[in-house]
Protein backbone atom coordinates (compact mmCIF):
# COMPACT_ATOMS: atom_id res chain seq x y z
CA VAL A 1 0.57 1.20 -9.29
CA CYS A 2 1.50 2.60 -6.22
CA PHE A 3 1.82 2.21 -2.42
CA ILE A 4 0.80 5.15 -0.42
CA GLY A 5 0.35 5.02 4.06
CA ARG A 6 1.95 6.99 7.06
CA SER A 7 5.31 7.86 8.27
CA ASN A 8 6.83 3.97 9.79
CA VAL A 9 3.89 2.19 8.50
CA GLY A 10 7.04 0.04 6.65
CA LYS A 11 5.87 0.68 3.23
CA SER A 12 10.11 0.77 1.85
CA SER A 13 9.95 -2.68 3.92
CA LEU A 14 6.64 -4.42 1.81
CA ILE A 15 7.93 -3.05 -1.58
CA ARG A 16 11.39 -5.19 -0.71
CA ALA A 17 10.07 -7.63 0.28
CA LEU A 18 7.62 -7.75 -2.19
CA PHE A 19 9.96 -7.57 -5.11
CA SER A 20 12.88 -9.44 -3.64
CA LEU A 21 12.54 -12.13 -6.12
CA SER A 22 13.24 -9.38 -8.78
CA PRO A 23 17.05 -7.95 -8.11
CA GLU A 24 16.18 -5.56 -10.55
CA VAL A 25 14.00 -3.30 -8.70
CA GLU A 26 16.41 -2.73 -5.43
CA VAL A 27 14.83 -0.73 -2.56
CA ARG A 28 16.18 1.06 0.02
CA VAL A 29 15.21 0.55 3.36
CA SER A 30 15.70 3.24 6.50
CA LYS A 31 15.69 2.89 10.20
CA THR A 32 14.84 6.11 10.73
CA PRO A 33 10.88 7.45 10.23
CA GLY A 34 9.95 8.87 7.27
CA HIS A 35 12.65 8.67 5.22
CA THR A 36 10.87 8.68 1.86
CA LYS A 37 11.21 12.40 0.29
CA LYS A 38 9.67 11.88 -2.72
CA MET A 39 8.08 9.12 -5.13
CA ASN A 40 10.91 7.26 -5.87
CA PHE A 41 9.58 4.90 -8.86
CA PHE A 42 10.91 1.05 -9.60
CA LYS A 43 10.67 -0.30 -13.17
CA VAL A 44 9.75 -3.75 -12.59
CA GLY A 45 11.52 -5.36 -16.11
CA LYS A 46 8.96 -4.54 -19.25
CA TYR A 47 5.88 -5.64 -17.06
CA PHE A 48 4.95 -1.67 -14.96
CA THR A 49 6.26 0.60 -12.74
CA LEU A 50 5.81 0.59 -8.82
CA VAL A 51 5.70 4.17 -6.90
CA ASP A 52 6.73 4.54 -3.25
CA MET A 53 5.34 7.83 -1.90
CA PRO A 54 6.25 9.97 1.01
CA GLY A 55 4.70 9.07 3.96
CA TYR A 56 2.14 11.47 5.56
CA GLY A 57 1.71 12.15 8.78
CA TYR A 58 4.45 12.32 11.37
CA ARG A 59 7.72 13.85 9.51
CA ALA A 60 6.19 14.72 6.07
CA PRO A 61 7.85 16.24 3.62
CA GLN A 62 6.47 20.11 3.41
CA ASP A 63 5.01 19.27 -0.25
CA PHE A 64 3.42 16.11 0.69
CA VAL A 65 -0.34 16.78 -0.73
CA GLU A 66 1.04 19.13 -3.71
CA MET A 67 2.83 16.25 -5.12
CA VAL A 68 1.09 13.92 -3.90
CA GLU A 69 -2.21 15.23 -5.07
CA ALA A 70 -0.73 15.40 -8.66
CA TYR A 71 0.29 12.69 -9.44
CA LEU A 72 -2.42 11.07 -8.04
CA GLN A 73 -5.14 13.30 -9.99
CA GLU A 74 -3.08 13.14 -13.38
CA ARG A 75 -1.24 9.64 -13.61
CA ARG A 76 -4.42 8.23 -16.30
CA ASN A 77 -1.92 4.85 -16.67
CA LEU A 78 -2.12 3.81 -12.52
CA LYS A 79 -3.75 0.71 -12.59
CA ARG A 80 -4.25 0.43 -8.22
CA THR A 81 -3.34 2.31 -5.23
CA PHE A 82 -2.14 0.67 -1.83
CA LEU A 83 -3.16 1.44 1.08
CA LEU A 84 -0.70 1.24 3.80
CA VAL A 85 -2.42 0.52 7.75
CA ASP A 86 -0.26 -0.35 10.67
CA GLY A 87 -1.64 -3.86 11.96
CA VAL A 88 -0.61 -3.08 15.41
CA VAL A 89 -2.27 0.90 15.63
CA GLY A 90 -5.24 0.20 12.74
CA LEU A 91 -7.02 3.47 10.94
CA GLN A 92 -5.91 6.51 12.08
CA LYS A 93 -6.96 9.62 11.14
CA THR A 94 -3.97 10.06 8.70
CA ASP A 95 -5.31 7.51 7.40
CA HIS A 96 -9.38 8.20 6.73
CA VAL A 97 -7.50 11.74 5.24
CA ALA A 98 -5.55 9.87 2.80
CA VAL A 99 -9.04 7.49 1.85
CA GLU A 100 -11.08 10.49 1.62
CA MET A 101 -9.07 12.12 -0.88
CA LEU A 102 -8.29 8.75 -3.04
CA GLU A 103 -12.29 8.70 -2.49
CA GLU A 104 -13.22 11.96 -4.12
CA PHE A 105 -10.51 11.40 -6.44
CA GLY A 106 -12.24 8.20 -7.94
CA ILE A 107 -9.00 6.28 -7.47
CA PRO A 108 -9.98 1.93 -7.80
CA TYR A 109 -7.56 1.47 -4.33
CA VAL A 110 -6.97 -1.41 -1.62
CA MET A 111 -6.01 -1.95 2.21
CA VAL A 112 -2.74 -3.52 3.03
CA LEU A 113 -2.76 -3.96 7.01
CA THR A 114 0.64 -4.30 7.73
CA LYS A 115 3.63 -5.60 10.77
CA ILE A 116 0.68 -8.34 11.12
CA ASP A 117 3.53 -10.08 13.13
CA ARG A 118 3.85 -7.41 15.84
CA ALA A 119 0.64 -7.46 16.72
CA SER A 120 -1.15 -9.56 19.31
CA ARG A 121 -4.18 -11.73 17.59
CA GLY A 122 -6.47 -9.91 19.93
CA LEU A 123 -5.62 -6.45 18.59
CA LEU A 124 -5.81 -7.58 15.27
CA LEU A 125 -8.67 -9.02 15.36
CA LYS A 126 -10.23 -5.97 16.51
CA ASN A 127 -8.09 -3.86 13.78
CA VAL A 128 -9.19 -5.82 10.98
CA LEU A 129 -12.38 -6.25 11.29
CA ALA A 130 -13.30 -2.37 12.37
CA ILE A 131 -11.35 -1.82 8.66
CA GLN A 132 -13.79 -4.18 7.31
CA ASP A 133 -16.63 -2.31 8.99
CA PHE A 134 -15.83 0.93 7.33
CA VAL A 135 -14.73 -0.10 4.19
CA LYS A 136 -18.55 -1.47 3.60
CA GLU A 137 -19.43 0.90 5.51
CA LYS A 138 -17.51 4.63 3.96
CA THR A 139 -16.09 4.06 0.81
CA GLN A 140 -16.83 3.02 -2.68
CA GLY A 141 -14.02 3.13 -4.65
CA CYS A 142 -12.32 0.47 -2.18
CA PHE A 143 -11.57 -3.34 -3.49
CA PRO A 144 -13.29 -5.69 -0.43
CA GLN A 145 -10.21 -7.89 0.06
CA LEU A 146 -7.79 -6.66 3.14
CA PHE A 147 -4.44 -7.88 2.36
CA LEU A 148 -2.44 -8.77 6.18
CA VAL A 149 1.13 -9.05 5.34
CA SER A 150 4.49 -8.62 7.41
CA SER A 151 7.76 -8.55 5.70
CA LEU A 152 9.72 -9.29 8.18
CA ALA A 153 7.95 -13.56 8.22
CA PHE A 154 6.83 -12.74 4.20
CA SER A 155 2.83 -13.69 5.64
CA GLY A 156 0.87 -12.61 2.68
CA VAL A 157 3.37 -11.58 0.86
CA HIS A 158 2.40 -13.69 -1.96
CA LEU A 159 -0.45 -12.99 -2.18
CA LEU A 160 -0.14 -9.74 -1.89
CA ARG A 161 2.28 -10.09 -5.40
CA CYS A 162 0.08 -11.85 -7.23
CA PHE A 163 -3.26 -9.66 -6.86
CA VAL A 164 -0.15 -6.47 -8.01
CA ALA A 165 0.70 -9.48 -10.86
CA HIS A 166 -3.15 -9.30 -11.13
CA VAL A 167 -3.69 -5.43 -11.72
CA THR A 168 -0.84 -5.11 -13.72
CA GLY A 169 -2.46 -7.85 -16.40
CA ASN A 170 1.17 -10.18 -15.97
CA LEU A 171 -0.34 -13.15 -14.41
CA PRO A 172 -1.48 -14.96 -16.95
CA ALA A 173 -5.53 -16.62 -16.31
CA VAL A 174 -6.07 -19.87 -16.06
CA GLU A 175 -8.40 -22.13 -17.32
CA ALA A 176 -10.99 -24.02 -15.59
CA SER A 177 -11.70 -27.58 -15.94
């Protein structure tokens, strides 16, 4: 699986929160936006690999497009891409470009709204509704469920963790009685 999003959207913080129970996944989080300049690979036990992509937009590395497009197009075993969107600012033009790329390559992806603890309820609702409309009208490869998370308060982290386990085939099926 891979995590992609604008610089300063909280990719590294979310990855650290998601894998707080896995000491082998050690994620450094910088105070400087756009600090991740290369793809960072994290082996999650023997189960799967998670990729933290550099951020796009503000302070993106110069080779961002070549690096990310090559990875997304050539990685046949990529189960899901998680596109992170800032819960305070909502979808930006650069996010639309990322969506267009994922749609063009036919890559299944999920949108994750980060930093929900920093947005007022009204603003959060406005951004959630705008993203849901966007997904319904403008996308084909996007998973319809939007995940809302806060790396600080751990809100929504457990549900997203379960979804990652599910898409990587690491969530045992439960029999319905």
